């Protein structure tokens, strides 16, 4: 079975996802998501459950309908566009978006926090899975973190300062933000909460 990945949402969408008011997410660009895939729903660093992708469509902003805006948890297409402007810069009516229809198949009774001091491994796994901008050396260093179980042990193994890992992770988070895989809020929170 494939490892479950993470789908990130701002914490403002948490309740809408839990109640079923929000059953789509609209992301800038062509996001490589497939029908049937499972994702942990991460709302502002809190994992609230597991989503299954039901349908994936690629549309320009002008092709997105009011009905799709409502499925995304907004009262109108104008409200959707305002929300998209908070997350993305430099798009137009002709920009292509991925419309991901999902179903919450499991709700966690006790939501889990992620990327705390004890969860650097999940962060490194996420970066390795999602950042194709890593150099081979950076990728090898992050794999060493997984192998050793911590940044401290990986740094000791290669006799280097931990700062090298901080730089790799910070640069990767910025790339992932630019690609729409993380929001600005996600990056700020991760950098605030992780212990590296």
N, C-alpha and C. Protein backbone atom coordinates (compact mmCIF):
# COMPACT_ATOMS: atom_id res chain seq x y z
N UNK A 1 0.84 -1.20 0.00
CA UNK A 1 0.00 0.00 0.00
C UNK A 1 0.88 1.25 0.00
N UNK A 2 0.47 2.25 -0.77
CA UNK A 2 1.24 3.49 -0.85
C UNK A 2 1.14 4.28 0.45
N UNK A 3 2.21 4.98 0.76
CA UNK A 3 2.21 5.83 1.95
C UNK A 3 1.25 7.00 1.74
N UNK A 4 0.48 7.32 2.76
CA UNK A 4 -0.47 8.42 2.65
C UNK A 4 0.29 9.74 2.72
N UNK A 5 0.02 10.61 1.75
CA UNK A 5 0.66 11.93 1.71
C UNK A 5 -0.21 12.92 2.47
N UNK A 6 0.19 14.20 2.43
CA UNK A 6 -0.54 15.25 3.13
C UNK A 6 -1.13 16.24 2.14
N UNK A 7 -2.35 16.68 2.42
CA UNK A 7 -2.95 17.78 1.67
C UNK A 7 -3.14 18.92 2.67
N UNK A 8 -2.64 20.09 2.31
CA UNK A 8 -2.58 21.20 3.26
C UNK A 8 -3.68 22.22 3.01
N UNK A 9 -4.29 22.65 4.10
CA UNK A 9 -5.34 23.66 4.07
C UNK A 9 -5.04 24.68 5.16
N UNK A 10 -5.49 25.91 4.96
CA UNK A 10 -5.42 26.90 6.05
C UNK A 10 -6.39 26.47 7.14
N UNK A 11 -6.08 26.84 8.37
CA UNK A 11 -6.91 26.40 9.50
C UNK A 11 -8.33 26.94 9.42
N UNK A 12 -8.54 28.02 8.66
CA UNK A 12 -9.89 28.58 8.52
C UNK A 12 -10.85 27.62 7.83
N UNK A 13 -10.32 26.62 7.11
CA UNK A 13 -11.17 25.67 6.39
C UNK A 13 -11.47 24.40 7.20
N UNK A 14 -10.89 24.30 8.38
CA UNK A 14 -11.02 23.08 9.19
C UNK A 14 -12.47 22.66 9.41
N UNK A 15 -13.29 23.56 9.94
CA UNK A 15 -14.67 23.21 10.26
C UNK A 15 -15.49 22.91 9.01
N UNK A 16 -15.22 23.64 7.94
CA UNK A 16 -15.96 23.40 6.69
C UNK A 16 -15.66 22.01 6.13
N UNK A 17 -14.43 21.56 6.28
CA UNK A 17 -14.08 20.21 5.82
C UNK A 17 -14.75 19.17 6.71
N UNK A 18 -14.70 19.39 8.01
CA UNK A 18 -15.30 18.43 8.95
C UNK A 18 -16.81 18.31 8.79
N UNK A 19 -17.48 19.41 8.45
CA UNK A 19 -18.94 19.37 8.30
C UNK A 19 -19.38 18.99 6.89
N UNK A 20 -18.44 18.91 5.94
CA UNK A 20 -18.80 18.58 4.56
C UNK A 20 -19.22 19.78 3.74
N UNK A 21 -19.08 20.99 4.30
CA UNK A 21 -19.40 22.19 3.54
C UNK A 21 -18.35 22.43 2.45
N UNK A 22 -17.12 22.02 2.72
CA UNK A 22 -16.03 22.14 1.74
C UNK A 22 -15.64 20.75 1.27
N UNK A 23 -15.91 20.45 -0.01
CA UNK A 23 -15.60 19.12 -0.56
C UNK A 23 -14.71 19.22 -1.80
N UNK A 24 -14.20 20.42 -2.07
CA UNK A 24 -13.20 20.58 -3.12
C UNK A 24 -12.12 21.51 -2.60
N UNK A 25 -10.99 21.47 -3.28
CA UNK A 25 -9.94 22.46 -3.07
C UNK A 25 -9.45 22.86 -4.44
N UNK A 26 -9.25 24.14 -4.63
CA UNK A 26 -8.86 24.68 -5.94
C UNK A 26 -7.45 25.24 -5.80
N UNK A 27 -6.51 24.63 -6.55
CA UNK A 27 -5.09 24.98 -6.42
C UNK A 27 -4.55 25.50 -7.74
N UNK A 28 -3.70 26.51 -7.66
CA UNK A 28 -3.09 27.09 -8.86
C UNK A 28 -2.15 26.08 -9.51
N UNK A 29 -2.24 25.97 -10.83
CA UNK A 29 -1.37 25.07 -11.59
C UNK A 29 -1.97 23.69 -11.74
N UNK A 30 -1.24 22.84 -12.43
CA UNK A 30 -1.68 21.46 -12.63
C UNK A 30 -1.01 20.59 -11.57
N UNK A 31 -1.75 20.29 -10.53
CA UNK A 31 -1.22 19.53 -9.40
C UNK A 31 -1.33 18.04 -9.73
N UNK A 32 -0.25 17.28 -9.55
CA UNK A 32 -0.29 15.85 -9.89
C UNK A 32 -0.99 15.01 -8.82
N UNK A 33 -2.31 15.06 -8.85
CA UNK A 33 -3.15 14.32 -7.89
C UNK A 33 -4.00 13.36 -8.70
N UNK A 34 -4.21 12.16 -8.18
CA UNK A 34 -4.99 11.15 -8.91
C UNK A 34 -6.22 10.74 -8.14
N UNK A 35 -7.26 10.41 -8.88
CA UNK A 35 -8.49 9.89 -8.26
C UNK A 35 -8.16 8.64 -7.45
N UNK A 36 -8.78 8.53 -6.29
CA UNK A 36 -8.58 7.36 -5.44
C UNK A 36 -7.46 7.49 -4.44
N UNK A 37 -6.58 8.49 -4.62
CA UNK A 37 -5.47 8.67 -3.67
C UNK A 37 -6.00 9.14 -2.31
N UNK A 38 -5.31 8.71 -1.26
CA UNK A 38 -5.66 9.12 0.10
C UNK A 38 -4.65 10.15 0.60
N UNK A 39 -5.16 11.12 1.36
CA UNK A 39 -4.32 12.18 1.93
C UNK A 39 -4.74 12.46 3.36
N UNK A 40 -3.77 12.73 4.22
CA UNK A 40 -4.08 13.29 5.53
C UNK A 40 -4.51 14.74 5.30
N UNK A 41 -5.60 15.17 5.90
CA UNK A 41 -6.05 16.55 5.81
C UNK A 41 -5.36 17.36 6.91
N UNK A 42 -4.43 18.20 6.51
CA UNK A 42 -3.66 19.01 7.45
C UNK A 42 -4.17 20.44 7.39
N UNK A 43 -4.87 20.85 8.44
CA UNK A 43 -5.44 22.20 8.50
C UNK A 43 -4.63 23.03 9.49
N UNK A 44 -3.75 23.87 8.97
CA UNK A 44 -2.95 24.74 9.83
C UNK A 44 -2.08 23.97 10.80
N UNK A 45 -1.58 22.80 10.39
CA UNK A 45 -0.71 22.00 11.25
C UNK A 45 -1.43 20.97 12.08
N UNK A 46 -2.76 20.91 11.96
CA UNK A 46 -3.55 19.94 12.71
C UNK A 46 -4.13 18.94 11.72
N UNK A 47 -3.80 17.67 11.90
CA UNK A 47 -4.30 16.64 10.99
C UNK A 47 -5.66 16.18 11.51
N UNK A 48 -6.70 16.47 10.72
CA UNK A 48 -8.08 16.25 11.19
C UNK A 48 -8.71 14.97 10.67
N UNK A 49 -8.06 14.32 9.70
CA UNK A 49 -8.63 13.09 9.16
C UNK A 49 -7.97 12.70 7.86
N UNK A 50 -8.63 11.78 7.15
CA UNK A 50 -8.10 11.27 5.88
C UNK A 50 -9.11 11.57 4.77
N UNK A 51 -8.60 12.13 3.67
CA UNK A 51 -9.41 12.45 2.50
C UNK A 51 -9.13 11.45 1.39
N UNK A 52 -10.17 11.17 0.59
CA UNK A 52 -9.96 10.40 -0.64
C UNK A 52 -10.30 11.31 -1.82
N UNK A 53 -9.43 11.37 -2.81
CA UNK A 53 -9.67 12.19 -4.01
C UNK A 53 -10.71 11.47 -4.86
N UNK A 54 -11.82 12.18 -5.13
CA UNK A 54 -12.92 11.60 -5.90
C UNK A 54 -12.83 11.95 -7.39
N UNK A 55 -12.37 13.17 -7.68
CA UNK A 55 -12.30 13.62 -9.07
C UNK A 55 -11.28 14.75 -9.17
N UNK A 56 -10.59 14.84 -10.31
CA UNK A 56 -9.60 15.90 -10.54
C UNK A 56 -9.91 16.54 -11.89
N UNK A 57 -10.00 17.87 -11.90
CA UNK A 57 -10.25 18.61 -13.13
C UNK A 57 -9.27 19.76 -13.24
N UNK A 58 -8.91 20.11 -14.48
CA UNK A 58 -8.05 21.26 -14.73
C UNK A 58 -8.89 22.30 -15.47
N UNK A 59 -8.98 23.51 -14.89
CA UNK A 59 -9.81 24.56 -15.46
C UNK A 59 -9.12 25.91 -15.30
N UNK A 60 -9.44 26.80 -16.23
CA UNK A 60 -8.99 28.17 -16.03
C UNK A 60 -9.91 28.80 -14.99
N UNK A 61 -9.45 29.88 -14.40
CA UNK A 61 -10.27 30.54 -13.37
C UNK A 61 -11.62 30.97 -13.93
N UNK A 62 -11.64 31.45 -15.18
CA UNK A 62 -12.92 31.90 -15.74
C UNK A 62 -13.86 30.72 -16.01
N UNK A 63 -13.34 29.50 -16.12
CA UNK A 63 -14.20 28.32 -16.34
C UNK A 63 -14.80 27.78 -15.04
N UNK A 64 -14.22 28.17 -13.91
CA UNK A 64 -14.73 27.70 -12.62
C UNK A 64 -16.08 28.36 -12.36
N UNK A 65 -17.07 27.54 -12.00
CA UNK A 65 -18.44 28.03 -11.84
C UNK A 65 -18.74 28.45 -10.40
N UNK A 66 -19.86 29.14 -10.25
CA UNK A 66 -20.33 29.52 -8.91
C UNK A 66 -20.59 28.26 -8.08
N UNK A 67 -21.13 27.23 -8.70
CA UNK A 67 -21.41 25.97 -8.00
C UNK A 67 -20.12 25.36 -7.45
N UNK A 68 -19.05 25.43 -8.24
CA UNK A 68 -17.76 24.90 -7.78
C UNK A 68 -17.20 25.76 -6.64
N UNK A 69 -17.42 27.06 -6.70
CA UNK A 69 -17.00 27.93 -5.60
C UNK A 69 -17.73 27.55 -4.32
N UNK A 70 -19.02 27.23 -4.44
CA UNK A 70 -19.82 26.82 -3.27
C UNK A 70 -19.29 25.49 -2.72
N UNK A 71 -18.98 24.53 -3.60
CA UNK A 71 -18.41 23.26 -3.15
C UNK A 71 -17.09 23.45 -2.43
N UNK A 72 -16.41 24.56 -2.76
CA UNK A 72 -15.12 24.87 -2.13
C UNK A 72 -15.31 25.64 -0.83
N UNK A 73 -16.59 25.87 -0.46
CA UNK A 73 -16.86 26.51 0.83
C UNK A 73 -17.08 28.00 0.77
N UNK A 74 -17.30 28.56 -0.43
CA UNK A 74 -17.48 30.01 -0.58
C UNK A 74 -18.89 30.31 -1.09
N UNK A 75 -19.39 31.49 -0.73
CA UNK A 75 -20.75 31.87 -1.12
C UNK A 75 -20.84 32.30 -2.57
N UNK A 76 -19.71 32.71 -3.15
CA UNK A 76 -19.73 33.20 -4.53
C UNK A 76 -18.37 32.99 -5.17
N UNK A 77 -18.34 33.15 -6.48
CA UNK A 77 -17.07 33.05 -7.20
C UNK A 77 -16.15 34.20 -6.82
N UNK A 78 -16.74 35.37 -6.53
CA UNK A 78 -15.95 36.53 -6.12
C UNK A 78 -15.22 36.25 -4.80
N UNK A 79 -15.92 35.60 -3.84
CA UNK A 79 -15.31 35.25 -2.55
C UNK A 79 -14.18 34.24 -2.75
N UNK A 80 -14.41 33.29 -3.67
CA UNK A 80 -13.36 32.31 -3.97
C UNK A 80 -12.13 33.02 -4.52
N UNK A 81 -12.34 33.93 -5.46
CA UNK A 81 -11.20 34.64 -6.06
C UNK A 81 -10.43 35.44 -5.00
N UNK A 82 -11.15 36.07 -4.07
CA UNK A 82 -10.49 36.81 -2.98
C UNK A 82 -9.62 35.88 -2.14
N UNK A 83 -10.13 34.68 -1.86
CA UNK A 83 -9.37 33.72 -1.06
C UNK A 83 -8.14 33.25 -1.83
N UNK A 84 -8.29 33.01 -3.13
CA UNK A 84 -7.15 32.56 -3.94
C UNK A 84 -6.05 33.63 -3.96
N UNK A 85 -6.45 34.90 -3.97
CA UNK A 85 -5.45 35.98 -3.97
C UNK A 85 -4.65 36.01 -2.68
N UNK A 86 -5.23 35.52 -1.58
CA UNK A 86 -4.49 35.44 -0.31
C UNK A 86 -3.38 34.38 -0.38
N UNK A 87 -3.63 33.33 -1.18
CA UNK A 87 -2.69 32.20 -1.22
C UNK A 87 -1.70 32.26 -2.39
N UNK A 88 -2.12 32.89 -3.49
CA UNK A 88 -1.28 32.89 -4.70
C UNK A 88 -1.14 34.30 -5.25
N UNK A 89 0.01 34.53 -5.89
CA UNK A 89 0.24 35.82 -6.54
C UNK A 89 0.36 35.60 -8.04
N UNK A 90 0.00 36.61 -8.79
CA UNK A 90 0.26 36.61 -10.22
C UNK A 90 -0.53 35.61 -11.04
N UNK A 91 -1.82 35.52 -10.82
CA UNK A 91 -2.64 34.69 -11.70
C UNK A 91 -3.71 35.56 -12.35
N UNK A 92 -4.28 35.05 -13.45
CA UNK A 92 -5.30 35.79 -14.17
C UNK A 92 -6.51 34.88 -14.40
N UNK A 93 -7.50 35.39 -15.09
CA UNK A 93 -8.69 34.59 -15.41
C UNK A 93 -8.35 33.40 -16.29
N UNK A 94 -7.22 33.50 -17.02
CA UNK A 94 -6.80 32.41 -17.90
C UNK A 94 -5.82 31.44 -17.25
N UNK A 95 -5.45 31.69 -16.00
CA UNK A 95 -4.54 30.78 -15.30
C UNK A 95 -5.24 29.44 -15.06
N UNK A 96 -4.47 28.37 -15.17
CA UNK A 96 -5.03 27.03 -14.97
C UNK A 96 -4.97 26.66 -13.49
N UNK A 97 -6.07 26.13 -13.00
CA UNK A 97 -6.18 25.65 -11.63
C UNK A 97 -6.56 24.18 -11.64
N UNK A 98 -6.18 23.48 -10.58
CA UNK A 98 -6.61 22.10 -10.38
C UNK A 98 -7.76 22.12 -9.39
N UNK A 99 -8.89 21.55 -9.81
CA UNK A 99 -10.06 21.44 -8.95
C UNK A 99 -10.08 20.00 -8.43
N UNK A 100 -9.80 19.84 -7.15
CA UNK A 100 -9.72 18.51 -6.53
C UNK A 100 -10.98 18.28 -5.71
N UNK A 101 -11.80 17.32 -6.14
CA UNK A 101 -12.99 16.94 -5.39
C UNK A 101 -12.57 15.83 -4.42
N UNK A 102 -12.96 15.94 -3.16
CA UNK A 102 -12.55 14.94 -2.19
C UNK A 102 -13.69 14.57 -1.25
N UNK A 103 -13.49 13.46 -0.56
CA UNK A 103 -14.43 13.03 0.46
C UNK A 103 -13.64 12.74 1.72
N UNK A 104 -14.13 13.25 2.85
CA UNK A 104 -13.49 12.96 4.14
C UNK A 104 -13.94 11.56 4.55
N UNK A 105 -13.04 10.58 4.43
CA UNK A 105 -13.41 9.19 4.69
C UNK A 105 -13.16 8.77 6.14
N UNK A 106 -12.34 9.56 6.85
CA UNK A 106 -12.09 9.27 8.26
C UNK A 106 -11.83 10.58 9.01
N UNK A 107 -12.58 10.80 10.09
CA UNK A 107 -12.35 11.96 10.95
C UNK A 107 -11.58 11.49 12.18
N UNK A 108 -10.56 12.23 12.57
CA UNK A 108 -9.83 11.89 13.78
C UNK A 108 -10.54 12.53 14.97
N UNK A 109 -10.88 11.71 15.97
CA UNK A 109 -11.55 12.25 17.15
C UNK A 109 -10.61 13.17 17.92
N UNK A 110 -9.33 12.86 17.88
CA UNK A 110 -8.32 13.73 18.49
C UNK A 110 -7.34 14.13 17.40
N UNK A 111 -7.51 15.32 16.82
CA UNK A 111 -6.59 15.76 15.75
C UNK A 111 -5.14 15.72 16.21
N UNK A 112 -4.26 15.43 15.26
CA UNK A 112 -2.83 15.34 15.56
C UNK A 112 -2.13 16.59 15.08
N UNK A 113 -1.14 17.05 15.82
CA UNK A 113 -0.29 18.16 15.38
C UNK A 113 0.84 17.56 14.55
N UNK A 114 1.35 18.34 13.63
CA UNK A 114 2.50 17.82 12.88
C UNK A 114 3.62 18.83 12.84
N UNK A 115 4.80 18.32 12.52
CA UNK A 115 6.02 19.10 12.45
C UNK A 115 6.36 19.76 13.77
N UNK A 116 6.23 19.01 14.83
CA UNK A 116 6.72 19.49 16.10
C UNK A 116 8.15 18.98 16.23
N UNK A 117 8.78 19.24 17.36
CA UNK A 117 10.16 18.78 17.55
C UNK A 117 10.27 17.27 17.33
N UNK A 118 9.21 16.53 17.67
CA UNK A 118 9.28 15.08 17.56
C UNK A 118 8.92 14.58 16.17
N UNK A 119 8.56 15.47 15.24
CA UNK A 119 8.08 15.02 13.95
C UNK A 119 8.87 15.57 12.78
N UNK A 120 10.15 15.82 12.97
CA UNK A 120 10.99 16.32 11.89
C UNK A 120 11.07 15.28 10.77
N UNK A 121 10.95 14.00 11.11
CA UNK A 121 11.03 12.94 10.11
C UNK A 121 9.90 13.08 9.10
N UNK A 122 8.68 13.38 9.55
CA UNK A 122 7.56 13.57 8.63
C UNK A 122 7.81 14.75 7.70
N UNK A 123 8.38 15.82 8.23
CA UNK A 123 8.69 16.98 7.41
C UNK A 123 9.71 16.62 6.34
N UNK A 124 10.76 15.92 6.72
CA UNK A 124 11.80 15.53 5.76
C UNK A 124 11.21 14.61 4.69
N UNK A 125 10.35 13.67 5.09
CA UNK A 125 9.70 12.79 4.11
C UNK A 125 8.87 13.60 3.13
N UNK A 126 8.11 14.57 3.66
CA UNK A 126 7.28 15.41 2.81
C UNK A 126 8.14 16.16 1.79
N UNK A 127 9.26 16.72 2.24
CA UNK A 127 10.14 17.47 1.34
C UNK A 127 10.70 16.54 0.26
N UNK A 128 11.15 15.36 0.65
CA UNK A 128 11.70 14.42 -0.33
C UNK A 128 10.65 13.99 -1.36
N UNK A 129 9.40 13.85 -0.93
CA UNK A 129 8.33 13.45 -1.85
C UNK A 129 7.90 14.57 -2.79
N UNK A 130 8.01 15.80 -2.34
CA UNK A 130 7.37 16.89 -3.08
C UNK A 130 8.29 17.92 -3.72
N UNK A 131 9.54 17.99 -3.31
CA UNK A 131 10.43 19.04 -3.82
C UNK A 131 11.38 18.46 -4.87
N UNK A 132 11.04 18.69 -6.15
CA UNK A 132 11.93 18.21 -7.21
C UNK A 132 13.07 19.19 -7.49
N UNK A 133 13.14 20.27 -6.70
CA UNK A 133 14.22 21.24 -6.86
C UNK A 133 15.45 20.94 -6.01
N UNK A 134 15.40 19.86 -5.24
CA UNK A 134 16.56 19.48 -4.42
C UNK A 134 17.71 19.01 -5.30
N UNK A 135 18.94 19.38 -4.94
CA UNK A 135 20.10 18.82 -5.64
C UNK A 135 20.32 17.39 -5.13
N UNK A 136 21.13 16.63 -5.83
CA UNK A 136 21.43 15.26 -5.40
C UNK A 136 22.07 15.25 -4.01
N UNK A 137 22.95 16.20 -3.75
CA UNK A 137 23.62 16.28 -2.45
C UNK A 137 22.60 16.58 -1.35
N UNK A 138 21.70 17.55 -1.61
CA UNK A 138 20.67 17.89 -0.62
C UNK A 138 19.76 16.69 -0.35
N UNK A 139 19.40 15.98 -1.42
CA UNK A 139 18.54 14.80 -1.28
C UNK A 139 19.25 13.73 -0.43
N UNK A 140 20.54 13.53 -0.68
CA UNK A 140 21.30 12.54 0.10
C UNK A 140 21.39 12.94 1.57
N UNK A 141 21.57 14.23 1.84
CA UNK A 141 21.64 14.69 3.23
C UNK A 141 20.31 14.48 3.95
N UNK A 142 19.20 14.75 3.26
CA UNK A 142 17.89 14.54 3.89
C UNK A 142 17.61 13.04 4.10
N UNK A 143 18.06 12.22 3.17
CA UNK A 143 17.90 10.77 3.35
C UNK A 143 18.71 10.28 4.55
N UNK A 144 19.84 10.92 4.79
CA UNK A 144 20.66 10.59 5.96
C UNK A 144 19.90 10.91 7.25
N UNK A 145 19.13 12.01 7.24
CA UNK A 145 18.29 12.35 8.41
C UNK A 145 17.30 11.22 8.67
N UNK A 146 16.66 10.71 7.61
CA UNK A 146 15.71 9.61 7.78
C UNK A 146 16.41 8.36 8.32
N UNK A 147 17.57 8.09 7.77
CA UNK A 147 18.33 6.89 8.18
C UNK A 147 18.75 6.97 9.65
N UNK A 148 19.21 8.15 10.08
CA UNK A 148 19.71 8.31 11.44
C UNK A 148 18.61 8.64 12.45
N UNK A 149 17.48 9.14 11.95
CA UNK A 149 16.35 9.41 12.84
C UNK A 149 16.31 10.81 13.42
N UNK A 150 17.31 11.63 13.14
CA UNK A 150 17.28 13.02 13.61
C UNK A 150 18.33 13.83 12.86
N UNK A 151 18.12 15.14 12.87
CA UNK A 151 19.09 16.04 12.24
C UNK A 151 20.39 16.05 13.03
N UNK A 152 20.28 16.02 14.34
CA UNK A 152 21.48 16.03 15.18
C UNK A 152 22.39 14.86 14.86
N UNK A 153 21.78 13.65 14.76
CA UNK A 153 22.59 12.45 14.48
C UNK A 153 23.16 12.48 13.06
N UNK A 154 22.38 13.01 12.11
CA UNK A 154 22.86 13.11 10.73
C UNK A 154 24.04 14.08 10.65
N UNK A 155 23.94 15.21 11.35
CA UNK A 155 25.03 16.19 11.35
C UNK A 155 26.29 15.60 11.97
N UNK A 156 26.10 14.84 13.03
CA UNK A 156 27.25 14.21 13.69
C UNK A 156 27.91 13.19 12.77
N UNK A 157 27.09 12.45 12.02
CA UNK A 157 27.60 11.42 11.10
C UNK A 157 28.55 12.01 10.05
N UNK A 158 28.21 13.20 9.55
CA UNK A 158 29.05 13.81 8.50
C UNK A 158 29.98 14.89 9.05
N UNK A 159 29.96 15.03 10.39
CA UNK A 159 30.83 15.99 11.06
C UNK A 159 30.61 17.42 10.56
N UNK A 160 29.33 17.77 10.45
CA UNK A 160 28.96 19.12 10.00
C UNK A 160 28.01 19.75 11.00
N UNK A 161 27.88 21.07 10.91
CA UNK A 161 26.95 21.81 11.76
C UNK A 161 25.51 21.55 11.30
N UNK A 162 24.57 21.55 12.23
CA UNK A 162 23.16 21.34 11.91
C UNK A 162 22.61 22.40 10.98
N UNK A 163 23.27 23.54 10.92
CA UNK A 163 22.76 24.64 10.10
C UNK A 163 22.62 24.27 8.63
N UNK A 164 23.45 23.35 8.15
CA UNK A 164 23.35 22.95 6.75
C UNK A 164 21.96 22.37 6.46
N UNK A 165 21.40 21.63 7.43
CA UNK A 165 20.07 21.04 7.26
C UNK A 165 18.99 22.12 7.35
N UNK A 166 19.19 23.09 8.23
CA UNK A 166 18.24 24.21 8.34
C UNK A 166 18.12 24.94 7.01
N UNK A 167 19.27 25.19 6.38
CA UNK A 167 19.28 25.92 5.11
C UNK A 167 18.54 25.12 4.04
N UNK A 168 18.83 23.83 3.94
CA UNK A 168 18.17 22.97 2.94
C UNK A 168 16.66 22.99 3.16
N UNK A 169 16.23 22.82 4.40
CA UNK A 169 14.80 22.76 4.71
C UNK A 169 14.12 24.11 4.44
N UNK A 170 14.74 25.21 4.86
CA UNK A 170 14.14 26.53 4.63
C UNK A 170 13.99 26.81 3.13
N UNK A 171 15.03 26.53 2.36
CA UNK A 171 14.97 26.78 0.91
C UNK A 171 13.92 25.90 0.25
N UNK A 172 13.82 24.66 0.70
CA UNK A 172 12.82 23.74 0.15
C UNK A 172 11.41 24.23 0.46
N UNK A 173 11.17 24.68 1.68
CA UNK A 173 9.84 25.17 2.05
C UNK A 173 9.44 26.37 1.19
N UNK A 174 10.40 27.23 0.88
CA UNK A 174 10.11 28.38 0.02
C UNK A 174 9.74 27.93 -1.39
N UNK A 175 10.46 26.91 -1.92
CA UNK A 175 10.11 26.40 -3.26
C UNK A 175 8.72 25.78 -3.26
N UNK A 176 8.43 25.02 -2.20
CA UNK A 176 7.11 24.37 -2.12
C UNK A 176 6.00 25.40 -1.99
N UNK A 177 6.28 26.51 -1.32
CA UNK A 177 5.30 27.60 -1.22
C UNK A 177 5.05 28.20 -2.60
N UNK A 178 6.12 28.44 -3.36
CA UNK A 178 5.99 29.02 -4.69
C UNK A 178 5.21 28.11 -5.63
N UNK A 179 5.31 26.81 -5.43
CA UNK A 179 4.60 25.84 -6.28
C UNK A 179 3.17 25.60 -5.81
N UNK A 180 2.78 26.22 -4.69
CA UNK A 180 1.42 26.06 -4.21
C UNK A 180 1.20 24.81 -3.37
N UNK A 181 2.28 24.11 -3.01
CA UNK A 181 2.13 22.91 -2.18
C UNK A 181 2.05 23.24 -0.70
N UNK A 182 2.48 24.44 -0.35
CA UNK A 182 2.35 24.96 1.01
C UNK A 182 1.91 26.41 0.91
N UNK A 183 1.16 26.86 1.89
CA UNK A 183 0.80 28.28 1.92
C UNK A 183 1.86 29.04 2.70
N UNK A 184 1.82 30.35 2.59
CA UNK A 184 2.73 31.21 3.34
C UNK A 184 2.57 30.95 4.85
N UNK A 185 1.31 30.75 5.27
CA UNK A 185 1.03 30.49 6.68
C UNK A 185 1.64 29.17 7.13
N UNK A 186 1.56 28.13 6.25
CA UNK A 186 2.15 26.83 6.58
C UNK A 186 3.65 26.97 6.83
N UNK A 187 4.32 27.68 5.92
CA UNK A 187 5.77 27.82 6.03
C UNK A 187 6.14 28.56 7.31
N UNK A 188 5.43 29.65 7.60
CA UNK A 188 5.72 30.41 8.82
C UNK A 188 5.53 29.54 10.06
N UNK A 189 4.44 28.77 10.08
CA UNK A 189 4.16 27.93 11.24
C UNK A 189 5.20 26.83 11.39
N UNK A 190 5.55 26.18 10.28
CA UNK A 190 6.53 25.09 10.34
C UNK A 190 7.85 25.62 10.88
N UNK A 191 8.30 26.75 10.35
CA UNK A 191 9.58 27.30 10.80
C UNK A 191 9.53 27.74 12.26
N UNK A 192 8.34 28.12 12.72
CA UNK A 192 8.18 28.53 14.11
C UNK A 192 8.20 27.31 15.03
N UNK A 193 7.60 26.20 14.57
CA UNK A 193 7.37 25.07 15.47
C UNK A 193 8.44 23.99 15.44
N UNK A 194 9.12 23.82 14.31
CA UNK A 194 10.09 22.72 14.28
C UNK A 194 11.35 23.09 15.01
N UNK A 195 11.99 22.09 15.54
CA UNK A 195 13.23 22.30 16.31
C UNK A 195 14.41 21.84 15.49
N UNK A 196 14.95 22.75 14.69
CA UNK A 196 16.15 22.40 13.89
C UNK A 196 17.16 23.51 14.01
